[in-house]
Amino acid sequence: MEITFSDFMAQISSNFALLVTTLLTLGVILVNGWTDAPNAIATCVSTRSISAKSAILMAAVFNFFGVFVMTMINANVAQTIYKMVDFGGNSKDALIALCASLFAIVTWATAAWWFGIPTSESHALIAGISGSAIALHNGLAGINGSEWIKVLYGLVLSTILGFSMGWIAVKFTEMIFRGFNRRTTNAIFQNAQVASGAAMAFMHGAQDGQKFMGVFMLGIFLANGQANVTDFQIPVWMMLLCSIVMGLGTSIGGYKIIKSVGMDMCKLEKYQGFSADMAAATCLLISSVSGIPVSTTHTKTTSIMGVGAAKRLSSVNWGIVQEMVWTWLLTFPGCGVIGYLMAKLFMVLF
C-alpha cells in the first residue's frame, strides 16, 4: 500500500487524529536529530576536520540519501519496527497508545539531552511502543517476541561489534601508515574524516530514518481506521520530510552531544576519528542489510571506546562512559514505564 503526498495532505486537513499523530511523530524525529544524529558527525567535528555548521549540513544531506537508498534496497528495519507490537484491532485505542508512546519518547530524550547524555532514540522508540502495547492489552499479548528478539541481537551486536571493530580498525590504520610522517597523514585523514563522517550520516539515515518511518506509516494507517495493514511502501515524500526534520533537529541542539561523544569521552586524532567512523558505519551497514534494528548511539560510542582503548585504557574517560551506560540501561524500563502510564492516562482522557 502506498500513500501519495496529495492524499496525505487531504487527509491531514480533515482528520484531527492524523494531524496530532503526525506532529508527535515529527517531534520524535526532531528529537532524534538533536540527540542521536550528532553522534554520526561528532568525531569529524572534534578532530577539526570540518566545521560544525558544515558537518550538520552534510549530515542532513547524507541522512536523506541513507533513508532513500537503503529503503529502496531493503526496508526490513522499517518492517521490523512496524511489526514489533500489535495494538489490537481497535484502531482508535491503538492510535491513542501509539501517541502515548511517542509522547514518552520525546519526554525521555529531552531529559537526556538536557544533561548532554547521548541516549538511544531507537531503544526509546522500542521501549515506548512496547510499554503502550502492554497498557492497551493489560499484559504481554501485544508484544511480538520474534521481532523483539532482533532488538536484543542488535543491542549485543552494536556493543560488542562496535568496540571490537573500532579497536581493529585503528590498529590496522596505524600499521598501514606507520612509515608516513605526521604532516602527511594529517592531510590525508582530514579529508578521510569528512568522507567517513558522511558514511556515518548515511548509515544513520538508513537505520534510524527507517525506524521512524515505520512508526509514521503505522500512525497514518491507524488514524484512518486501518489496524491490520501488513504490506506497505514508504513514499519518497516521507523520506524527504523525515530527513529535513532530522537535519533541523541536529542544527538546533546537536552541539551538546557532539561535545560529549567527540570531545569529552576520548580525545581523538584525525586517523583515530576516521577509524571510529568507518568501524561504526560498517557495523550499521551489516545490521541494516540483515534487518536488525541497532542503536546508532551505541555503535558509534562503543567504536570510539575501542579506538581509545587500543592506545591505552586511560585514554577513555570512563566517567562519561559510565553515565552513558546507565542511561542506556535505564532507557528500556524508564521509557517503557512512561509509555505505559501515558497510554493509561490518554485512554482515560480520550
C-alpha atoms as a PDB file:
ATOM      1  CA  MET A   1       0.000   0.000   0.000  1.00  0.00           C
ATOM      2  CA  GLU A   2       1.347   3.434  -0.958  1.00  0.00           C
ATOM      3  CA  ILE A   3       0.219   6.922   0.106  1.00  0.00           C
ATOM      4  CA  THR A   4       0.756   9.924  -2.173  1.00  0.00           C
ATOM      5  CA  PHE A   5       1.602  13.342  -0.741  1.00  0.00           C
ATOM      6  CA  SER A   6      -1.612  14.873  -2.100  1.00  0.00           C
ATOM      7  CA  ASP A   7      -3.679  12.131  -0.429  1.00  0.00           C
ATOM      8  CA  PHE A   8      -1.806  12.661   2.839  1.00  0.00           C
ATOM      9  CA  MET A   9      -2.403  16.442   2.813  1.00  0.00           C
ATOM     10  CA  ALA A  10      -6.078  15.924   2.017  1.00  0.00           C
ATOM     11  CA  GLN A  11      -6.388  13.510   4.945  1.00  0.00           C
ATOM     12  CA  ILE A  12      -4.471  15.637   7.418  1.00  0.00           C
ATOM     13  CA  SER A  13      -6.675  18.678   6.767  1.00  0.00           C
ATOM     14  CA  SER A  14      -9.816  16.761   7.712  1.00  0.00           C
ATOM     15  CA  ASN A  15      -8.537  14.181  10.196  1.00  0.00           C
ATOM     16  CA  PHE A  16      -7.550  15.708  13.556  1.00  0.00           C
ATOM     17  CA  ALA A  17      -6.233  12.386  14.874  1.00  0.00           C
ATOM     18  CA  LEU A  18      -3.868  12.114  11.909  1.00  0.00           C
ATOM     19  CA  LEU A  19      -2.702  15.711  12.467  1.00  0.00           C
ATOM     20  CA  VAL A  20      -1.846  15.022  16.120  1.00  0.00           C
ATOM     21  CA  THR A  21      -0.111  11.747  15.256  1.00  0.00           C
ATOM     22  CA  THR A  22       1.931  13.417  12.516  1.00  0.00           C
ATOM     23  CA  LEU A  23       3.034  16.270  14.793  1.00  0.00           C
ATOM     24  CA  LEU A  24       4.082  13.817  17.513  1.00  0.00           C
ATOM     25  CA  THR A  25       5.960  11.637  15.027  1.00  0.00           C
ATOM     26  CA  LEU A  26       7.792  14.630  13.561  1.00  0.00           C
ATOM     27  CA  GLY A  27       8.520  15.760  17.131  1.00  0.00           C
ATOM     28  CA  VAL A  28      10.183  12.420  17.838  1.00  0.00           C
ATOM     29  CA  ILE A  29      12.211  12.674  14.614  1.00  0.00           C
ATOM     30  CA  LEU A  30      13.255  16.228  15.556  1.00  0.00           C
ATOM     31  CA  VAL A  31      14.410  14.977  18.968  1.00  0.00           C
ATOM     32  CA  ASN A  32      16.305  12.163  17.252  1.00  0.00           C
ATOM     33  CA  GLY A  33      18.035  14.799  15.146  1.00  0.00           C
ATOM     34  CA  TRP A  34      19.345  16.716  18.125  1.00  0.00           C
ATOM     35  CA  THR A  35      20.174  13.743  20.372  1.00  0.00           C
ATOM     36  CA  ASP A  36      21.096  10.847  18.053  1.00  0.00           C
ATOM     37  CA  ALA A  37      22.141  12.188  14.641  1.00  0.00           C
ATOM     38  CA  PRO A  38      25.015  14.291  16.100  1.00  0.00           C
ATOM     39  CA  ASN A  39      26.792  11.027  17.011  1.00  0.00           C
ATOM     40  CA  ALA A  40      27.384  10.471  13.304  1.00  0.00           C
ATOM     41  CA  ILE A  41      29.393  13.680  12.890  1.00  0.00           C
ATOM     42  CA  ALA A  42      30.859  14.074  16.392  1.00  0.00           C
ATOM     43  CA  THR A  43      34.334  12.762  15.571  1.00  0.00           C
ATOM     44  CA  CYS A  44      34.927  14.718  12.365  1.00  0.00           C
ATOM     45  CA  VAL A  45      33.956  17.924  14.218  1.00  0.00           C
ATOM     46  CA  SER A  46      36.054  17.137  17.313  1.00  0.00           C
ATOM     47  CA  THR A  47      39.178  16.494  15.205  1.00  0.00           C
ATOM     48  CA  ARG A  48      38.598  19.832  13.408  1.00  0.00           C
ATOM     49  CA  SER A  49      38.391  18.130  10.024  1.00  0.00           C
ATOM     50  CA  ILE A  50      35.212  20.077   9.250  1.00  0.00           C
ATOM     51  CA  SER A  51      33.302  22.885  10.951  1.00  0.00           C
ATOM     52  CA  ALA A  52      30.214  22.039  12.990  1.00  0.00           C
ATOM     53  CA  LYS A  53      27.980  24.070  10.666  1.00  0.00           C
ATOM     54  CA  SER A  54      29.255  22.287   7.553  1.00  0.00           C
ATOM     55  CA  ALA A  55      29.075  18.905   9.296  1.00  0.00           C
ATOM     56  CA  ILE A  56      25.425  19.462  10.241  1.00  0.00           C
ATOM     57  CA  LEU A  57      24.566  20.348   6.633  1.00  0.00           C
ATOM     58  CA  MET A  58      26.472  17.281   5.444  1.00  0.00           C
ATOM     59  CA  ALA A  59      24.637  15.106   7.970  1.00  0.00           C
ATOM     60  CA  ALA A  60      21.245  16.367   6.768  1.00  0.00           C
ATOM     61  CA  VAL A  61      22.081  15.597   3.133  1.00  0.00           C
ATOM     62  CA  PHE A  62      23.534  12.146   3.750  1.00  0.00           C
ATOM     63  CA  ASN A  63      20.769  11.242   6.206  1.00  0.00           C
ATOM     64  CA  PHE A  64      18.351  11.680   3.320  1.00  0.00           C
ATOM     65  CA  PHE A  65      20.439   9.599   0.945  1.00  0.00           C
ATOM     66  CA  GLY A  66      20.752   6.918   3.617  1.00  0.00           C
ATOM     67  CA  VAL A  67      16.993   6.834   4.103  1.00  0.00           C
ATOM     68  CA  PHE A  68      16.299   6.859   0.370  1.00  0.00           C
ATOM     69  CA  VAL A  69      18.915   4.397  -0.914  1.00  0.00           C
ATOM     70  CA  MET A  70      18.672   1.819   1.872  1.00  0.00           C
ATOM     71  CA  THR A  71      14.855   1.894   1.893  1.00  0.00           C
ATOM     72  CA  MET A  72      14.841   1.266  -1.850  1.00  0.00           C
ATOM     73  CA  ILE A  73      17.264  -1.633  -1.427  1.00  0.00           C
ATOM     74  CA  ASN A  74      15.989  -3.125   1.808  1.00  0.00           C
ATOM     75  CA  ALA A  75      13.178  -1.836   4.066  1.00  0.00           C
ATOM     76  CA  ASN A  76      13.489  -4.650   6.614  1.00  0.00           C
ATOM     77  CA  VAL A  77      14.289  -2.334   9.525  1.00  0.00           C
ATOM     78  CA  ALA A  78      11.083  -0.333   8.965  1.00  0.00           C
ATOM     79  CA  GLN A  79       9.084  -3.560   8.700  1.00  0.00           C
ATOM     80  CA  THR A  80      10.618  -4.877  11.940  1.00  0.00           C
ATOM     81  CA  ILE A  81       9.600  -1.758  13.888  1.00  0.00           C
ATOM     82  CA  TYR A  82       6.147  -1.750  12.290  1.00  0.00           C
ATOM     83  CA  LYS A  83       5.514  -5.354  13.344  1.00  0.00           C
ATOM     84  CA  MET A  84       7.155  -5.206  16.779  1.00  0.00           C
ATOM     85  CA  VAL A  85       3.888  -4.711  18.642  1.00  0.00           C
ATOM     86  CA  ASP A  86       0.237  -5.470  17.970  1.00  0.00           C
ATOM     87  CA  PHE A  87      -2.023  -2.726  19.263  1.00  0.00           C
ATOM     88  CA  GLY A  88      -5.118  -4.813  18.508  1.00  0.00           C
ATOM     89  CA  GLY A  89      -7.991  -4.439  16.083  1.00  0.00           C
ATOM     90  CA  ASN A  90      -9.500  -1.289  17.622  1.00  0.00           C
ATOM     91  CA  SER A  91      -7.807   1.453  15.617  1.00  0.00           C
ATOM     92  CA  LYS A  92      -8.907   4.259  17.976  1.00  0.00           C
ATOM     93  CA  ASP A  93      -7.383   2.651  21.085  1.00  0.00           C
ATOM     94  CA  ALA A  94      -4.329   1.647  19.077  1.00  0.00           C
ATOM     95  CA  LEU A  95      -3.810   5.237  17.905  1.00  0.00           C
ATOM     96  CA  ILE A  96      -4.102   6.530  21.476  1.00  0.00           C
ATOM     97  CA  ALA A  97      -1.483   4.014  22.592  1.00  0.00           C
ATOM     98  CA  LEU A  98       0.840   4.986  19.738  1.00  0.00           C
ATOM     99  CA  CYS A  99       0.525   8.703  20.561  1.00  0.00           C
ATOM    100  CA  ALA A 100       1.268   7.924  24.222  1.00  0.00           C
ATOM    101  CA  SER A 101       4.456   6.090  23.231  1.00  0.00           C
ATOM    102  CA  LEU A 102       5.597   8.991  21.025  1.00  0.00           C
ATOM    103  CA  PHE A 103       4.983  11.411  23.898  1.00  0.00           C
ATOM    104  CA  ALA A 104       7.071   9.171  26.174  1.00  0.00           C
ATOM    105  CA  ILE A 105       9.980   9.154  23.712  1.00  0.00           C
ATOM    106  CA  VAL A 106      10.049  12.957  23.458  1.00  0.00           C
ATOM    107  CA  THR A 107       9.947  13.280  27.263  1.00  0.00           C
ATOM    108  CA  TRP A 108      12.759  10.781  27.837  1.00  0.00           C
ATOM    109  CA  ALA A 109      15.010  12.064  25.063  1.00  0.00           C
ATOM    110  CA  THR A 110      14.620  15.731  26.021  1.00  0.00           C
ATOM    111  CA  ALA A 111      15.605  14.962  29.613  1.00  0.00           C
ATOM    112  CA  ALA A 112      18.728  13.098  28.449  1.00  0.00           C
ATOM    113  CA  TRP A 113      19.644  15.905  26.030  1.00  0.00           C
ATOM    114  CA  TRP A 114      19.352  18.476  28.823  1.00  0.00           C
ATOM    115  CA  PHE A 115      22.165  16.702  30.659  1.00  0.00           C
ATOM    116  CA  GLY A 116      24.191  16.252  27.449  1.00  0.00           C
ATOM    117  CA  ILE A 117      23.939  12.446  27.569  1.00  0.00           C
ATOM    118  CA  PRO A 118      23.585  10.700  24.154  1.00  0.00           C
ATOM    119  CA  THR A 119      20.618   8.413  24.689  1.00  0.00           C
ATOM    120  CA  SER A 120      19.334   5.986  22.075  1.00  0.00           C
ATOM    121  CA  GLU A 121      16.064   7.055  20.452  1.00  0.00           C
ATOM    122  CA  SER A 122      15.968   3.656  18.766  1.00  0.00           C
ATOM    123  CA  HIS A 123      15.656   1.931  22.129  1.00  0.00           C
ATOM    124  CA  ALA A 124      13.394   4.694  23.476  1.00  0.00           C
ATOM    125  CA  LEU A 125      11.106   4.083  20.491  1.00  0.00           C
ATOM    126  CA  ILE A 126      11.052   0.336  21.067  1.00  0.00           C
ATOM    127  CA  ALA A 127      10.510   0.730  24.830  1.00  0.00           C
ATOM    128  CA  GLY A 128       7.793   3.368  24.395  1.00  0.00           C
ATOM    129  CA  ILE A 129       5.649   1.428  21.928  1.00  0.00           C
ATOM    130  CA  SER A 130       6.116  -1.770  23.948  1.00  0.00           C
ATOM    131  CA  GLY A 131       5.003  -0.061  27.178  1.00  0.00           C
ATOM    132  CA  SER A 132       1.922   1.359  25.436  1.00  0.00           C
ATOM    133  CA  ALA A 133       1.054  -2.053  23.949  1.00  0.00           C
ATOM    134  CA  ILE A 134       1.288  -3.646  27.403  1.00  0.00           C
ATOM    135  CA  ALA A 135      -1.027  -0.952  28.799  1.00  0.00           C
ATOM    136  CA  LEU A 136      -3.514  -1.492  25.981  1.00  0.00           C
ATOM    137  CA  HIS A 137      -3.646  -5.281  26.436  1.00  0.00           C
ATOM    138  CA  ASN A 138      -3.036  -5.313  30.211  1.00  0.00           C
ATOM    139  CA  GLY A 139      -0.321  -7.864  29.547  1.00  0.00           C
ATOM    140  CA  LEU A 140       2.275  -9.085  27.065  1.00  0.00           C
ATOM    141  CA  ALA A 141      -0.227 -10.229  24.430  1.00  0.00           C
ATOM    142  CA  GLY A 142       0.617  -7.258  22.193  1.00  0.00           C
ATOM    143  CA  ILE A 143       4.374  -7.909  22.113  1.00  0.00           C
ATOM    144  CA  ASN A 144       5.706  -9.713  19.044  1.00  0.00           C
ATOM    145  CA  GLY A 145       8.507 -11.782  20.557  1.00  0.00           C
ATOM    146  CA  SER A 146      10.052 -12.847  17.248  1.00  0.00           C
ATOM    147  CA  GLU A 147      10.586  -9.204  16.240  1.00  0.00           C
ATOM    148  CA  TRP A 148      11.609  -8.106  19.740  1.00  0.00           C
ATOM    149  CA  ILE A 149      14.406 -10.679  19.835  1.00  0.00           C
ATOM    150  CA  LYS A 150      16.019  -8.823  16.919  1.00  0.00           C
ATOM    151  CA  VAL A 151      16.362  -5.811  19.224  1.00  0.00           C
ATOM    152  CA  LEU A 152      18.277  -7.888  21.761  1.00  0.00           C
ATOM    153  CA  TYR A 153      20.519  -9.195  18.980  1.00  0.00           C
ATOM    154  CA  GLY A 154      21.073  -5.602  17.895  1.00  0.00           C
ATOM    155  CA  LEU A 155      21.949  -4.489  21.429  1.00  0.00           C
ATOM    156  CA  VAL A 156      24.665  -7.142  21.687  1.00  0.00           C
ATOM    157  CA  LEU A 157      25.832  -6.561  18.106  1.00  0.00           C
ATOM    158  CA  SER A 158      26.138  -2.767  18.432  1.00  0.00           C
ATOM    159  CA  THR A 159      28.076  -3.042  21.698  1.00  0.00           C
ATOM    160  CA  ILE A 160      30.499  -5.899  21.055  1.00  0.00           C
ATOM    161  CA  LEU A 161      30.994  -5.411  17.327  1.00  0.00           C
ATOM    162  CA  GLY A 162      31.321  -1.630  17.642  1.00  0.00           C
ATOM    163  CA  PHE A 163      34.064  -1.866  20.281  1.00  0.00           C
ATOM    164  CA  SER A 164      35.993  -4.696  18.624  1.00  0.00           C
ATOM    165  CA  MET A 165      35.830  -3.225  15.127  1.00  0.00           C
ATOM    166  CA  GLY A 166      36.945   0.178  16.446  1.00  0.00           C
ATOM    167  CA  TRP A 167      39.976  -1.482  18.050  1.00  0.00           C
ATOM    168  CA  ILE A 168      40.794  -3.480  14.913  1.00  0.00           C
ATOM    169  CA  ALA A 169      40.263  -0.534  12.543  1.00  0.00           C
ATOM    170  CA  VAL A 170      42.640   1.811  14.360  1.00  0.00           C
ATOM    171  CA  LYS A 171      45.324  -0.885  14.730  1.00  0.00           C
ATOM    172  CA  PHE A 172      45.051  -1.665  11.004  1.00  0.00           C
ATOM    173  CA  THR A 173      45.244   2.042  10.120  1.00  0.00           C
ATOM    174  CA  GLU A 174      48.331   2.518  12.317  1.00  0.00           C
ATOM    175  CA  MET A 175      50.010  -0.472  10.675  1.00  0.00           C
ATOM    176  CA  ILE A 176      49.396   0.817   7.132  1.00  0.00           C
ATOM    177  CA  PHE A 177      50.568   4.389   7.804  1.00  0.00           C
ATOM    178  CA  ARG A 178      53.428   3.604  10.183  1.00  0.00           C
ATOM    179  CA  GLY A 179      56.095   4.860   7.767  1.00  0.00           C
ATOM    180  CA  PHE A 180      54.389   8.174   6.952  1.00  0.00           C
ATOM    181  CA  ASN A 181      55.227  11.468   8.660  1.00  0.00           C
ATOM    182  CA  ARG A 182      52.611  13.235  10.816  1.00  0.00           C
ATOM    183  CA  ARG A 183      52.006  16.168   8.435  1.00  0.00           C
ATOM    184  CA  THR A 184      51.230  13.851   5.503  1.00  0.00           C
ATOM    185  CA  THR A 185      48.867  11.646   7.494  1.00  0.00           C
ATOM    186  CA  ASN A 186      47.028  14.647   8.938  1.00  0.00           C
ATOM    187  CA  ALA A 187      46.370  15.939   5.422  1.00  0.00           C
ATOM    188  CA  ILE A 188      45.170  12.501   4.279  1.00  0.00           C
ATOM    189  CA  PHE A 189      42.921  11.852   7.249  1.00  0.00           C
ATOM    190  CA  GLN A 190      41.392  15.316   7.336  1.00  0.00           C
ATOM    191  CA  ASN A 191      39.691  14.517   4.021  1.00  0.00           C
ATOM    192  CA  ALA A 192      39.144  10.889   5.016  1.00  0.00           C
ATOM    193  CA  GLN A 193      37.373  12.052   8.210  1.00  0.00           C
ATOM    194  CA  VAL A 194      34.898  14.096   6.192  1.00  0.00           C
ATOM    195  CA  ALA A 195      34.201  11.077   3.970  1.00  0.00           C
ATOM    196  CA  SER A 196      33.811   8.719   6.940  1.00  0.00           C
ATOM    197  CA  GLY A 197      31.544  11.251   8.694  1.00  0.00           C
ATOM    198  CA  ALA A 198      29.365  11.323   5.577  1.00  0.00           C
ATOM    199  CA  ALA A 199      29.304   7.499   5.613  1.00  0.00           C
ATOM    200  CA  MET A 200      28.161   7.548   9.245  1.00  0.00           C
ATOM    201  CA  ALA A 201      25.422  10.074   8.471  1.00  0.00           C
ATOM    202  CA  PHE A 202      24.327   7.914   5.540  1.00  0.00           C
ATOM    203  CA  MET A 203      24.067   4.825   7.759  1.00  0.00           C
ATOM    204  CA  HIS A 204      22.298   6.772  10.486  1.00  0.00           C
ATOM    205  CA  GLY A 205      19.603   7.653   7.965  1.00  0.00           C
ATOM    206  CA  ALA A 206      19.496   4.036   6.796  1.00  0.00           C
ATOM    207  CA  GLN A 207      18.897   2.797  10.355  1.00  0.00           C
ATOM    208  CA  ASP A 208      17.045   5.498  12.311  1.00  0.00           C
ATOM    209  CA  GLY A 209      15.206   7.012   9.365  1.00  0.00           C
ATOM    210  CA  GLN A 210      13.642   3.647   8.593  1.00  0.00           C
ATOM    211  CA  LYS A 211      12.626   3.084  12.224  1.00  0.00           C
ATOM    212  CA  PHE A 212      10.686   6.316  12.473  1.00  0.00           C
ATOM    213  CA  MET A 213       9.124   5.995   9.041  1.00  0.00           C
ATOM    214  CA  GLY A 214       7.798   2.601  10.106  1.00  0.00           C
ATOM    215  CA  VAL A 215       6.069   4.334  13.033  1.00  0.00           C
ATOM    216  CA  PHE A 216       4.912   7.160  10.744  1.00  0.00           C
ATOM    217  CA  MET A 217       3.216   4.673   8.424  1.00  0.00           C
ATOM    218  CA  LEU A 218       1.609   2.894  11.385  1.00  0.00           C
ATOM    219  CA  GLY A 219       0.201   6.201  12.642  1.00  0.00           C
ATOM    220  CA  ILE A 220      -1.265   7.068   9.230  1.00  0.00           C
ATOM    221  CA  PHE A 221      -2.991   3.702   8.923  1.00  0.00           C
ATOM    222  CA  LEU A 222      -4.392   3.809  12.466  1.00  0.00           C
ATOM    223  CA  ALA A 223      -5.654   7.397  12.057  1.00  0.00           C
ATOM    224  CA  ASN A 224      -7.586   6.191   9.006  1.00  0.00           C
ATOM    225  CA  GLY A 225      -9.095   3.253  10.892  1.00  0.00           C
ATOM    226  CA  GLN A 226      -6.804   0.674   9.273  1.00  0.00           C
ATOM    227  CA  ALA A 227      -5.426  -1.503  12.061  1.00  0.00           C
ATOM    228  CA  ASN A 228      -4.406  -4.558  10.032  1.00  0.00           C
ATOM    229  CA  VAL A 229      -2.261  -3.286   7.146  1.00  0.00           C
ATOM    230  CA  THR A 230       0.667  -5.684   6.703  1.00  0.00           C
ATOM    231  CA  ASP A 231       2.162  -4.620   3.369  1.00  0.00           C
ATOM    232  CA  PHE A 232       3.176  -1.039   2.581  1.00  0.00           C
ATOM    233  CA  GLN A 233       5.658   1.069   0.622  1.00  0.00           C
ATOM    234  CA  ILE A 234       7.400   4.092   2.109  1.00  0.00           C
ATOM    235  CA  PRO A 235       6.827   7.089  -0.217  1.00  0.00           C
ATOM    236  CA  VAL A 236       9.668   9.377  -1.299  1.00  0.00           C
ATOM    237  CA  TRP A 237       7.962  12.487   0.146  1.00  0.00           C
ATOM    238  CA  MET A 238       8.061  10.872   3.598  1.00  0.00           C
ATOM    239  CA  MET A 239      11.769  10.087   3.247  1.00  0.00           C
ATOM    240  CA  LEU A 240      12.440  13.726   2.333  1.00  0.00           C
ATOM    241  CA  LEU A 241      10.242  15.112   5.127  1.00  0.00           C
ATOM    242  CA  CYS A 242      11.850  12.928   7.797  1.00  0.00           C
ATOM    243  CA  SER A 243      15.355  13.818   6.598  1.00  0.00           C
ATOM    244  CA  ILE A 244      14.641  17.567   6.683  1.00  0.00           C
ATOM    245  CA  VAL A 245      13.155  17.406  10.189  1.00  0.00           C
ATOM    246  CA  MET A 246      16.063  15.264  11.430  1.00  0.00           C
ATOM    247  CA  GLY A 247      18.574  17.737   9.968  1.00  0.00           C
ATOM    248  CA  LEU A 248      16.719  20.637  11.606  1.00  0.00           C
ATOM    249  CA  GLY A 249      16.934  18.882  14.966  1.00  0.00           C
ATOM    250  CA  THR A 250      20.693  18.405  14.571  1.00  0.00           C
ATOM    251  CA  SER A 251      21.185  22.104  13.799  1.00  0.00           C
ATOM    252  CA  ILE A 252      19.162  23.149  16.862  1.00  0.00           C
ATOM    253  CA  GLY A 253      20.592  21.007  19.615  1.00  0.00           C
ATOM    254  CA  GLY A 254      23.363  18.796  18.324  1.00  0.00           C
ATOM    255  CA  TYR A 255      26.315  20.623  19.860  1.00  0.00           C
ATOM    256  CA  LYS A 256      25.927  19.195  23.386  1.00  0.00           C
ATOM    257  CA  ILE A 257      26.036  15.636  22.093  1.00  0.00           C
ATOM    258  CA  ILE A 258      28.933  16.382  19.733  1.00  0.00           C
ATOM    259  CA  LYS A 259      30.895  17.656  22.749  1.00  0.00           C
ATOM    260  CA  SER A 260      30.064  14.629  24.945  1.00  0.00           C
ATOM    261  CA  VAL A 261      30.812  11.991  22.310  1.00  0.00           C
ATOM    262  CA  GLY A 262      33.548  13.597  20.230  1.00  0.00           C
ATOM    263  CA  MET A 263      35.458  15.595  22.836  1.00  0.00           C
ATOM    264  CA  ASP A 264      34.734  14.596  26.441  1.00  0.00           C
ATOM    265  CA  MET A 265      34.718  10.804  26.144  1.00  0.00           C
ATOM    266  CA  CYS A 266      38.031  10.421  24.315  1.00  0.00           C
ATOM    267  CA  LYS A 267      40.474  12.871  22.708  1.00  0.00           C
ATOM    268  CA  LEU A 268      40.915  11.666  19.140  1.00  0.00           C
ATOM    269  CA  GLU A 269      43.424  12.416  16.417  1.00  0.00           C
ATOM    270  CA  LYS A 270      42.260  12.513  12.820  1.00  0.00           C
ATOM    271  CA  TYR A 271      43.273   8.949  11.975  1.00  0.00           C
ATOM    272  CA  GLN A 272      41.542   7.687  15.138  1.00  0.00           C
ATOM    273  CA  GLY A 273      38.352   9.562  14.284  1.00  0.00           C
ATOM    274  CA  PHE A 274      38.428   8.056  10.795  1.00  0.00           C
ATOM    275  CA  SER A 275      38.877   4.561  12.251  1.00  0.00           C
ATOM    276  CA  ALA A 276      35.960   5.011  14.661  1.00  0.00           C
ATOM    277  CA  ASP A 277      33.659   6.288  11.913  1.00  0.00           C
ATOM    278  CA  MET A 278      34.471   3.518   9.463  1.00  0.00           C
ATOM    279  CA  ALA A 279      34.109   0.832  12.131  1.00  0.00           C
ATOM    280  CA  ALA A 280      30.708   2.164  13.216  1.00  0.00           C
ATOM    281  CA  ALA A 281      29.478   2.651   9.627  1.00  0.00           C
ATOM    282  CA  THR A 282      30.437  -0.939   8.776  1.00  0.00           C
ATOM    283  CA  CYS A 283      28.533  -2.263  11.809  1.00  0.00           C
ATOM    284  CA  LEU A 284      25.456  -0.245  10.834  1.00  0.00           C
ATOM    285  CA  LEU A 285      25.653  -1.492   7.238  1.00  0.00           C
ATOM    286  CA  ILE A 286      25.749  -5.120   8.394  1.00  0.00           C
ATOM    287  CA  SER A 287      22.773  -4.509  10.690  1.00  0.00           C
ATOM    288  CA  SER A 288      20.706  -2.664   8.077  1.00  0.00           C
ATOM    289  CA  VAL A 289      21.204  -5.299   5.400  1.00  0.00           C
ATOM    290  CA  SER A 290      20.237  -8.053   7.851  1.00  0.00           C
ATOM    291  CA  GLY A 291      17.171  -6.093   9.046  1.00  0.00           C
ATOM    292  CA  ILE A 292      18.335  -5.846  12.670  1.00  0.00           C
ATOM    293  CA  PRO A 293      17.442  -2.504  14.320  1.00  0.00           C
ATOM    294  CA  VAL A 294      20.503  -1.288  16.239  1.00  0.00           C
ATOM    295  CA  SER A 295      21.321   1.924  18.057  1.00  0.00           C
ATOM    296  CA  THR A 296      23.470   4.423  16.173  1.00  0.00           C
ATOM    297  CA  THR A 297      24.466   5.883  19.548  1.00  0.00           C
ATOM    298  CA  HIS A 298      25.656   2.537  20.931  1.00  0.00           C
ATOM    299  CA  THR A 299      27.508   1.639  17.764  1.00  0.00           C
ATOM    300  CA  LYS A 300      29.331   4.955  17.422  1.00  0.00           C
ATOM    301  CA  THR A 301      30.227   5.410  21.098  1.00  0.00           C
ATOM    302  CA  THR A 302      31.483   1.838  21.525  1.00  0.00           C
ATOM    303  CA  SER A 303      33.611   2.163  18.388  1.00  0.00           C
ATOM    304  CA  ILE A 304      35.178   5.319  19.884  1.00  0.00           C
ATOM    305  CA  MET A 305      35.813   3.386  23.110  1.00  0.00           C
ATOM    306  CA  GLY A 306      37.507   0.641  21.092  1.00  0.00           C
ATOM    307  CA  VAL A 307      39.716   3.169  19.296  1.00  0.00           C
ATOM    308  CA  GLY A 308      40.690   4.848  22.570  1.00  0.00           C
ATOM    309  CA  ALA A 309      41.326   1.547  24.361  1.00  0.00           C
ATOM    310  CA  ALA A 310      43.604   0.417  21.510  1.00  0.00           C
ATOM    311  CA  LYS A 311      46.029   3.165  22.567  1.00  0.00           C
ATOM    312  CA  ARG A 312      45.580   2.674  26.329  1.00  0.00           C
ATOM    313  CA  LEU A 313      42.587   2.210  28.615  1.00  0.00           C
ATOM    314  CA  SER A 314      43.226   5.513  30.351  1.00  0.00           C
ATOM    315  CA  SER A 315      42.650   7.330  27.030  1.00  0.00           C
ATOM    316  CA  VAL A 316      38.910   6.826  27.526  1.00  0.00           C
ATOM    317  CA  ASN A 317      37.038   8.963  30.041  1.00  0.00           C
ATOM    318  CA  TRP A 318      35.262   6.098  31.788  1.00  0.00           C
ATOM    319  CA  GLY A 319      33.245   8.529  33.913  1.00  0.00           C
ATOM    320  CA  ILE A 320      31.469   9.763  30.769  1.00  0.00           C
ATOM    321  CA  VAL A 321      31.107   6.160  29.594  1.00  0.00           C
ATOM    322  CA  GLN A 322      29.508   5.215  32.916  1.00  0.00           C
ATOM    323  CA  GLU A 323      26.904   7.977  32.541  1.00  0.00           C
ATOM    324  CA  MET A 324      26.099   6.771  29.031  1.00  0.00           C
ATOM    325  CA  VAL A 325      25.809   3.121  30.067  1.00  0.00           C
ATOM    326  CA  TRP A 326      23.443   3.955  32.916  1.00  0.00           C
ATOM    327  CA  THR A 327      21.280   5.965  30.513  1.00  0.00           C
ATOM    328  CA  TRP A 328      21.257   3.062  28.033  1.00  0.00           C
ATOM    329  CA  LEU A 329      20.301   0.567  30.743  1.00  0.00           C
ATOM    330  CA  LEU A 330      17.539   2.797  32.107  1.00  0.00           C
ATOM    331  CA  THR A 331      16.067   3.592  28.682  1.00  0.00           C
ATOM    332  CA  PHE A 332      14.109   0.333  28.332  1.00  0.00           C
ATOM    333  CA  PRO A 333      12.408   0.328  31.757  1.00  0.00           C
ATOM    334  CA  GLY A 334      12.256   4.137  32.017  1.00  0.00           C
ATOM    335  CA  CYS A 335      10.732   4.919  28.629  1.00  0.00           C
ATOM    336  CA  GLY A 336       8.627   1.745  28.787  1.00  0.00           C
ATOM    337  CA  VAL A 337       7.047   2.830  32.100  1.00  0.00           C
ATOM    338  CA  ILE A 338       6.405   6.349  30.771  1.00  0.00           C
ATOM    339  CA  GLY A 339       4.782   4.849  27.656  1.00  0.00           C
ATOM    340  CA  TYR A 340       2.638   2.563  29.842  1.00  0.00           C
ATOM    341  CA  LEU A 341       1.493   5.385  32.147  1.00  0.00           C
ATOM    342  CA  MET A 342       0.842   7.813  29.292  1.00  0.00           C
ATOM    343  CA  ALA A 343      -1.206   5.178  27.443  1.00  0.00           C
ATOM    344  CA  LYS A 344      -3.345   4.576  30.538  1.00  0.00           C
ATOM    345  CA  LEU A 345      -3.790   8.337  31.023  1.00  0.00           C
ATOM    346  CA  PHE A 346      -4.590   9.005  27.378  1.00  0.00           C
ATOM    347  CA  MET A 347      -7.161   6.199  27.282  1.00  0.00           C
ATOM    348  CA  VAL A 348      -8.957   7.782  30.243  1.00  0.00           C
ATOM    349  CA  LEU A 349      -8.818  11.297  28.773  1.00  0.00           C
ATOM    350  CA  PHE A 350      -9.689  10.425  25.187  1.00  0.00           C
END
